[in-house]
Amino acid sequence: MSKKNKFLLKINYENCKGCEYCIITCPQKVLSLSDEVNKLGYRFVKIINQQNCNGCGRCYIMCPDYLIEIFSATD
């Protein structure tokens, strides 16, 4: 039985400065730092466990540049 996503994350990767605040604060370990760099030259945050997102909003609150959006998944 697969776990259905209730929440979807969207990250503006190109403007992420890789501060890792969202990674540190995520209780579900949904995010990780990429090995790649964006147009600004920073390693950006990427989504690695989307299915574990519980929509708590901690990542959104901690992002100093408001680069994370959380959506309710539709059926």
Protein backbone atom coordinates (compact mmCIF):
# COMPACT_ATOMS: atom_id res chain seq x y z
CA MET A 1 0.00 0.00 0.00
CA SER A 2 1.56 3.30 -1.08
CA LYS A 3 1.38 6.41 1.02
CA LYS A 4 -0.68 9.15 -0.68
CA ASN A 5 0.64 12.70 -0.48
CA LYS A 6 -1.63 15.05 1.41
CA PHE A 7 0.69 18.00 0.91
CA LEU A 8 2.94 19.14 -1.92
CA LEU A 9 5.98 21.36 -1.55
CA LYS A 10 7.30 23.77 -4.14
CA ILE A 11 10.73 25.37 -3.69
CA ASN A 12 12.16 28.23 -5.73
CA TYR A 13 15.52 26.47 -6.23
CA GLU A 14 17.09 29.22 -8.31
CA ASN A 15 16.89 31.80 -5.52
CA CYS A 16 17.71 29.47 -2.61
CA LYS A 17 20.86 30.44 -0.69
CA GLY A 18 21.23 27.05 1.01
CA CYS A 19 20.95 28.37 4.58
CA GLU A 20 19.51 24.98 5.62
CA TYR A 21 17.03 26.46 8.13
CA CYS A 22 14.21 24.55 6.46
CA ILE A 23 16.17 21.30 6.55
CA ILE A 24 17.01 21.65 10.23
CA THR A 25 13.45 22.47 11.26
CA CYS A 26 11.67 19.74 9.24
CA PRO A 27 10.56 16.97 11.65
CA GLN A 28 9.79 14.60 8.76
CA LYS A 29 13.20 14.88 7.01
CA VAL A 30 11.58 15.88 3.71
CA LEU A 31 14.39 18.21 2.59
CA SER A 32 18.10 17.91 1.88
CA LEU A 33 20.90 20.05 0.48
CA SER A 34 21.65 19.39 -3.18
CA ASP A 35 25.12 18.63 -4.50
CA GLU A 36 24.34 20.92 -7.46
CA VAL A 37 24.49 24.73 -7.44
CA ASN A 38 21.90 27.21 -8.67
CA LYS A 39 22.34 30.35 -10.78
CA LEU A 40 23.48 32.24 -7.65
CA GLY A 41 26.24 29.72 -7.03
CA TYR A 42 24.66 28.20 -3.90
CA ARG A 43 23.90 24.60 -3.12
CA PHE A 44 20.12 24.68 -2.92
CA VAL A 45 17.57 22.75 -0.89
CA LYS A 46 15.79 19.89 -2.65
CA ILE A 47 12.82 17.70 -1.80
CA ILE A 48 13.84 14.10 -1.07
CA ASN A 49 10.87 12.60 0.80
CA GLN A 50 7.78 14.42 -0.50
CA GLN A 51 5.53 11.60 0.71
CA ASN A 52 6.53 12.31 4.33
CA CYS A 53 5.38 15.95 4.32
CA ASN A 54 2.69 16.52 6.95
CA GLY A 55 2.06 20.17 6.02
CA CYS A 56 3.29 21.55 9.35
CA GLY A 57 4.68 24.67 7.65
CA ARG A 58 7.92 24.85 9.61
CA CYS A 59 10.01 24.99 6.45
CA TYR A 60 7.87 27.83 5.10
CA ILE A 61 8.13 29.80 8.35
CA MET A 62 11.91 29.33 8.63
CA CYS A 63 12.79 30.31 5.05
CA PRO A 64 14.11 33.88 5.29
CA ASP A 65 13.42 34.49 1.59
CA TYR A 66 9.93 32.88 1.42
CA LEU A 67 10.99 30.44 -1.27
CA ILE A 68 8.84 27.52 -0.10
CA GLU A 69 5.16 26.99 -0.82
CA ILE A 70 2.96 24.25 0.65
CA PHE A 71 -0.13 23.07 -1.18
CA SER A 72 -2.88 20.71 -0.19
CA ALA A 73 -2.87 17.77 -2.61
CA THR A 74 -6.08 17.24 -4.52
CA ASP A 75 -7.69 13.89 -5.14
